[in-house]
Amino acid sequence: MNWLDKTLNREDGVTAIEYALIAGVVAVVLAATVPAVGTALVPIFESVAAAL
């Protein structure tokens, strides 16, 4: 019973799951914002290219 209690109370797997969830949220945020930022920067780069 002592082995079972230790196994069920381990937190190593929980930490790995937390890191995976954080990485997933960051990936979703990046995927959502990069296209919007890219399209907003196009006119800026075009004006710089025209000035050069």
PDB file of N, CA and C in Angstrom:
ATOM      1  N   MET A   1       0.822  -1.182   0.000  1.00  0.00           N
ATOM      2  CA  MET A   1       0.000   0.000   0.000  1.00  0.00           C
ATOM      3  C   MET A   1       0.873   1.256   0.000  1.00  0.00           C
ATOM      4  N   ASN A   2       2.025   1.183   0.624  1.00  0.00           N
ATOM      5  CA  ASN A   2       2.922   2.339   0.676  1.00  0.00           C
ATOM      6  C   ASN A   2       3.401   2.713  -0.731  1.00  0.00           C
ATOM      7  N   TRP A   3       3.716   1.709  -1.566  1.00  0.00           N
ATOM      8  CA  TRP A   3       4.156   1.963  -2.943  1.00  0.00           C
ATOM      9  C   TRP A   3       3.046   2.635  -3.749  1.00  0.00           C
ATOM     10  N   LEU A   4       1.810   2.190  -3.556  1.00  0.00           N
ATOM     11  CA  LEU A   4       0.674   2.750  -4.267  1.00  0.00           C
ATOM     12  C   LEU A   4       0.448   4.207  -3.869  1.00  0.00           C
ATOM     13  N   ASP A   5       0.565   4.515  -2.598  1.00  0.00           N
ATOM     14  CA  ASP A   5       0.405   5.896  -2.135  1.00  0.00           C
ATOM     15  C   ASP A   5       1.477   6.801  -2.736  1.00  0.00           C
ATOM     16  N   LYS A   6       2.719   6.326  -2.762  1.00  0.00           N
ATOM     17  CA  LYS A   6       3.806   7.120  -3.345  1.00  0.00           C
ATOM     18  C   LYS A   6       3.580   7.340  -4.837  1.00  0.00           C
ATOM     19  N   THR A   7       3.127   6.314  -5.522  1.00  0.00           N
ATOM     20  CA  THR A   7       2.907   6.411  -6.965  1.00  0.00           C
ATOM     21  C   THR A   7       1.780   7.389  -7.279  1.00  0.00           C
ATOM     22  N   LEU A   8       0.716   7.332  -6.537  1.00  0.00           N
ATOM     23  CA  LEU A   8      -0.425   8.214  -6.793  1.00  0.00           C
ATOM     24  C   LEU A   8      -0.156   9.661  -6.392  1.00  0.00           C
ATOM     25  N   ASN A   9       0.769   9.890  -5.490  1.00  0.00           N
ATOM     26  CA  ASN A   9       1.041  11.239  -5.015  1.00  0.00           C
ATOM     27  C   ASN A   9       2.230  11.898  -5.704  1.00  0.00           C
ATOM     28  N   ARG A  10       2.812  11.254  -6.704  1.00  0.00           N
ATOM     29  CA  ARG A  10       3.936  11.843  -7.426  1.00  0.00           C
ATOM     30  C   ARG A  10       3.447  13.031  -8.233  1.00  0.00           C
ATOM     31  N   GLU A  11       4.272  14.054  -8.334  1.00  0.00           N
ATOM     32  CA  GLU A  11       3.893  15.255  -9.056  1.00  0.00           C
ATOM     33  C   GLU A  11       4.735  15.472 -10.308  1.00  0.00           C
ATOM     34  N   ASP A  12       5.600  14.531 -10.666  1.00  0.00           N
ATOM     35  CA  ASP A  12       6.445  14.701 -11.846  1.00  0.00           C
ATOM     36  C   ASP A  12       5.614  14.787 -13.111  1.00  0.00           C
ATOM     37  N   GLY A  13       4.647  13.924 -13.256  1.00  0.00           N
ATOM     38  CA  GLY A  13       3.807  13.926 -14.439  1.00  0.00           C
ATOM     39  C   GLY A  13       2.951  15.175 -14.531  1.00  0.00           C
ATOM     40  N   VAL A  14       2.509  15.676 -13.403  1.00  0.00           N
ATOM     41  CA  VAL A  14       1.698  16.887 -13.384  1.00  0.00           C
ATOM     42  C   VAL A  14       2.513  18.061 -13.898  1.00  0.00           C
ATOM     43  N   THR A  15       3.750  18.166 -13.513  1.00  0.00           N
ATOM     44  CA  THR A  15       4.603  19.252 -13.978  1.00  0.00           C
ATOM     45  C   THR A  15       4.806  19.169 -15.484  1.00  0.00           C
ATOM     46  N   ALA A  16       5.022  17.994 -15.999  1.00  0.00           N
ATOM     47  CA  ALA A  16       5.203  17.831 -17.441  1.00  0.00           C
ATOM     48  C   ALA A  16       3.939  18.220 -18.190  1.00  0.00           C
ATOM     49  N   ILE A  17       2.791  17.875 -17.658  1.00  0.00           N
ATOM     50  CA  ILE A  17       1.524  18.238 -18.298  1.00  0.00           C
ATOM     51  C   ILE A  17       1.335  19.746 -18.259  1.00  0.00           C
ATOM     52  N   GLU A  18       1.693  20.381 -17.169  1.00  0.00           N
ATOM     53  CA  GLU A  18       1.579  21.833 -17.080  1.00  0.00           C
ATOM     54  C   GLU A  18       2.451  22.510 -18.123  1.00  0.00           C
ATOM     55  N   TYR A  19       3.679  22.041 -18.282  1.00  0.00           N
ATOM     56  CA  TYR A  19       4.560  22.626 -19.294  1.00  0.00           C
ATOM     57  C   TYR A  19       4.013  22.402 -20.699  1.00  0.00           C
ATOM     58  N   ALA A  20       3.434  21.248 -20.943  1.00  0.00           N
ATOM     59  CA  ALA A  20       2.856  20.969 -22.255  1.00  0.00           C
ATOM     60  C   ALA A  20       1.662  21.881 -22.530  1.00  0.00           C
ATOM     61  N   LEU A  21       0.844  22.121 -21.533  1.00  0.00           N
ATOM     62  CA  LEU A  21      -0.287  23.032 -21.702  1.00  0.00           C
ATOM     63  C   LEU A  21       0.173  24.456 -21.954  1.00  0.00           C
ATOM     64  N   ILE A  22       1.191  24.899 -21.248  1.00  0.00           N
ATOM     65  CA  ILE A  22       1.725  26.243 -21.461  1.00  0.00           C
ATOM     66  C   ILE A  22       2.286  26.364 -22.871  1.00  0.00           C
ATOM     67  N   ALA A  23       3.018  25.372 -23.324  1.00  0.00           N
ATOM     68  CA  ALA A  23       3.568  25.404 -24.675  1.00  0.00           C
ATOM     69  C   ALA A  23       2.453  25.411 -25.715  1.00  0.00           C
ATOM     70  N   GLY A  24       1.398  24.679 -25.478  1.00  0.00           N
ATOM     71  CA  GLY A  24       0.265  24.666 -26.394  1.00  0.00           C
ATOM     72  C   GLY A  24      -0.425  26.010 -26.468  1.00  0.00           C
ATOM     73  N   VAL A  25      -0.608  26.656 -25.324  1.00  0.00           N
ATOM     74  CA  VAL A  25      -1.236  27.984 -25.310  1.00  0.00           C
ATOM     75  C   VAL A  25      -0.360  28.993 -26.033  1.00  0.00           C
ATOM     76  N   VAL A  26       0.936  28.946 -25.806  1.00  0.00           N
ATOM     77  CA  VAL A  26       1.849  29.859 -26.496  1.00  0.00           C
ATOM     78  C   VAL A  26       1.797  29.639 -27.999  1.00  0.00           C
ATOM     79  N   ALA A  27       1.752  28.393 -28.427  1.00  0.00           N
ATOM     80  CA  ALA A  27       1.682  28.092 -29.858  1.00  0.00           C
ATOM     81  C   ALA A  27       0.393  28.622 -30.475  1.00  0.00           C
ATOM     82  N   VAL A  28      -0.719  28.490 -29.777  1.00  0.00           N
ATOM     83  CA  VAL A  28      -1.996  28.991 -30.293  1.00  0.00           C
ATOM     84  C   VAL A  28      -1.979  30.511 -30.378  1.00  0.00           C
ATOM     85  N   VAL A  29      -1.442  31.168 -29.365  1.00  0.00           N
ATOM     86  CA  VAL A  29      -1.365  32.629 -29.379  1.00  0.00           C
ATOM     87  C   VAL A  29      -0.474  33.105 -30.518  1.00  0.00           C
ATOM     88  N   LEU A  30       0.661  32.463 -30.709  1.00  0.00           N
ATOM     89  CA  LEU A  30       1.542  32.840 -31.820  1.00  0.00           C
ATOM     90  C   LEU A  30       0.881  32.612 -33.170  1.00  0.00           C
ATOM     91  N   ALA A  31       0.209  31.504 -33.315  1.00  0.00           N
ATOM     92  CA  ALA A  31      -0.462  31.204 -34.582  1.00  0.00           C
ATOM     93  C   ALA A  31      -1.575  32.207 -34.864  1.00  0.00           C
ATOM     94  N   ALA A  32      -2.188  32.735 -33.839  1.00  0.00           N
ATOM     95  CA  ALA A  32      -3.272  33.699 -34.022  1.00  0.00           C
ATOM     96  C   ALA A  32      -2.751  35.111 -34.283  1.00  0.00           C
ATOM     97  N   THR A  33      -1.615  35.477 -33.704  1.00  0.00           N
ATOM     98  CA  THR A  33      -1.159  36.864 -33.802  1.00  0.00           C
ATOM     99  C   THR A  33      -0.167  37.117 -34.932  1.00  0.00           C
ATOM    100  N   VAL A  34       0.612  36.145 -35.310  1.00  0.00           N
ATOM    101  CA  VAL A  34       1.635  36.370 -36.333  1.00  0.00           C
ATOM    102  C   VAL A  34       1.030  36.800 -37.674  1.00  0.00           C
ATOM    103  N   PRO A  35      -0.017  36.164 -38.172  1.00  0.00           N
ATOM    104  CA  PRO A  35      -0.590  36.648 -39.440  1.00  0.00           C
ATOM    105  C   PRO A  35      -1.113  38.083 -39.353  1.00  0.00           C
ATOM    106  N   ALA A  36      -1.730  38.442 -38.249  1.00  0.00           N
ATOM    107  CA  ALA A  36      -2.257  39.799 -38.090  1.00  0.00           C
ATOM    108  C   ALA A  36      -1.127  40.824 -38.047  1.00  0.00           C
ATOM    109  N   VAL A  37      -0.066  40.508 -37.342  1.00  0.00           N
ATOM    110  CA  VAL A  37       1.076  41.419 -37.281  1.00  0.00           C
ATOM    111  C   VAL A  37       1.758  41.496 -38.637  1.00  0.00           C
ATOM    112  N   GLY A  38       1.846  40.386 -39.328  1.00  0.00           N
ATOM    113  CA  GLY A  38       2.475  40.359 -40.650  1.00  0.00           C
ATOM    114  C   GLY A  38       1.738  41.234 -41.643  1.00  0.00           C
ATOM    115  N   THR A  39       0.416  41.160 -41.651  1.00  0.00           N
ATOM    116  CA  THR A  39      -0.348  41.984 -42.586  1.00  0.00           C
ATOM    117  C   THR A  39      -0.297  43.454 -42.195  1.00  0.00           C
ATOM    118  N   ALA A  40      -0.140  43.754 -40.925  1.00  0.00           N
ATOM    119  CA  ALA A  40      -0.022  45.145 -40.494  1.00  0.00           C
ATOM    120  C   ALA A  40       1.339  45.727 -40.875  1.00  0.00           C
ATOM    121  N   LEU A  41       2.361  44.888 -40.990  1.00  0.00           N
ATOM    122  CA  LEU A  41       3.697  45.375 -41.311  1.00  0.00           C
ATOM    123  C   LEU A  41       3.941  45.547 -42.804  1.00  0.00           C
ATOM    124  N   VAL A  42       3.110  44.951 -43.634  1.00  0.00           N
ATOM    125  CA  VAL A  42       3.316  45.032 -45.079  1.00  0.00           C
ATOM    126  C   VAL A  42       3.349  46.474 -45.569  1.00  0.00           C
ATOM    127  N   PRO A  43       2.407  47.334 -45.199  1.00  0.00           N
ATOM    128  CA  PRO A  43       2.489  48.723 -45.669  1.00  0.00           C
ATOM    129  C   PRO A  43       3.746  49.455 -45.196  1.00  0.00           C
ATOM    130  N   ILE A  44       4.197  49.140 -44.020  1.00  0.00           N
ATOM    131  CA  ILE A  44       5.407  49.785 -43.501  1.00  0.00           C
ATOM    132  C   ILE A  44       6.609  49.388 -44.342  1.00  0.00           C
ATOM    133  N   PHE A  45       6.735  48.104 -44.622  1.00  0.00           N
ATOM    134  CA  PHE A  45       7.858  47.646 -45.437  1.00  0.00           C
ATOM    135  C   PHE A  45       7.761  48.178 -46.866  1.00  0.00           C
ATOM    136  N   GLU A  46       6.541  48.291 -47.383  1.00  0.00           N
ATOM    137  CA  GLU A  46       6.376  48.834 -48.739  1.00  0.00           C
ATOM    138  C   GLU A  46       6.798  50.291 -48.799  1.00  0.00           C
ATOM    139  N   SER A  47       6.462  51.067 -47.765  1.00  0.00           N
ATOM    140  CA  SER A  47       6.857  52.480 -47.760  1.00  0.00           C
ATOM    141  C   SER A  47       8.372  52.628 -47.611  1.00  0.00           C
ATOM    142  N   VAL A  48       8.995  51.758 -46.815  1.00  0.00           N
ATOM    143  CA  VAL A  48      10.451  51.790 -46.689  1.00  0.00           C
ATOM    144  C   VAL A  48      11.107  51.402 -47.996  1.00  0.00           C
ATOM    145  N   ALA A  49      10.572  50.395 -48.677  1.00  0.00           N
ATOM    146  CA  ALA A  49      11.124  49.970 -49.952  1.00  0.00           C
ATOM    147  C   ALA A  49      10.969  51.078 -51.001  1.00  0.00           C
ATOM    148  N   ALA A  50       9.852  51.789 -51.000  1.00  0.00           N
ATOM    149  CA  ALA A  50       9.646  52.876 -51.942  1.00  0.00           C
ATOM    150  C   ALA A  50      10.580  54.042 -51.657  1.00  0.00           C
ATOM    151  N   ALA A  51      10.872  54.280 -50.389  1.00  0.00           N
ATOM    152  CA  ALA A  51      11.766  55.376 -50.021  1.00  0.00           C
ATOM    153  C   ALA A  51      13.205  55.057 -50.411  1.00  0.00           C
ATOM    154  N   LEU A  52      13.555  53.807 -50.425  1.00  0.00           N
ATOM    155  CA  LEU A  52      14.918  53.420 -50.790  1.00  0.00           C
ATOM    156  C   LEU A  52      15.075  53.494 -52.299  1.00  0.00           C
TER     157      LEU A  52
END
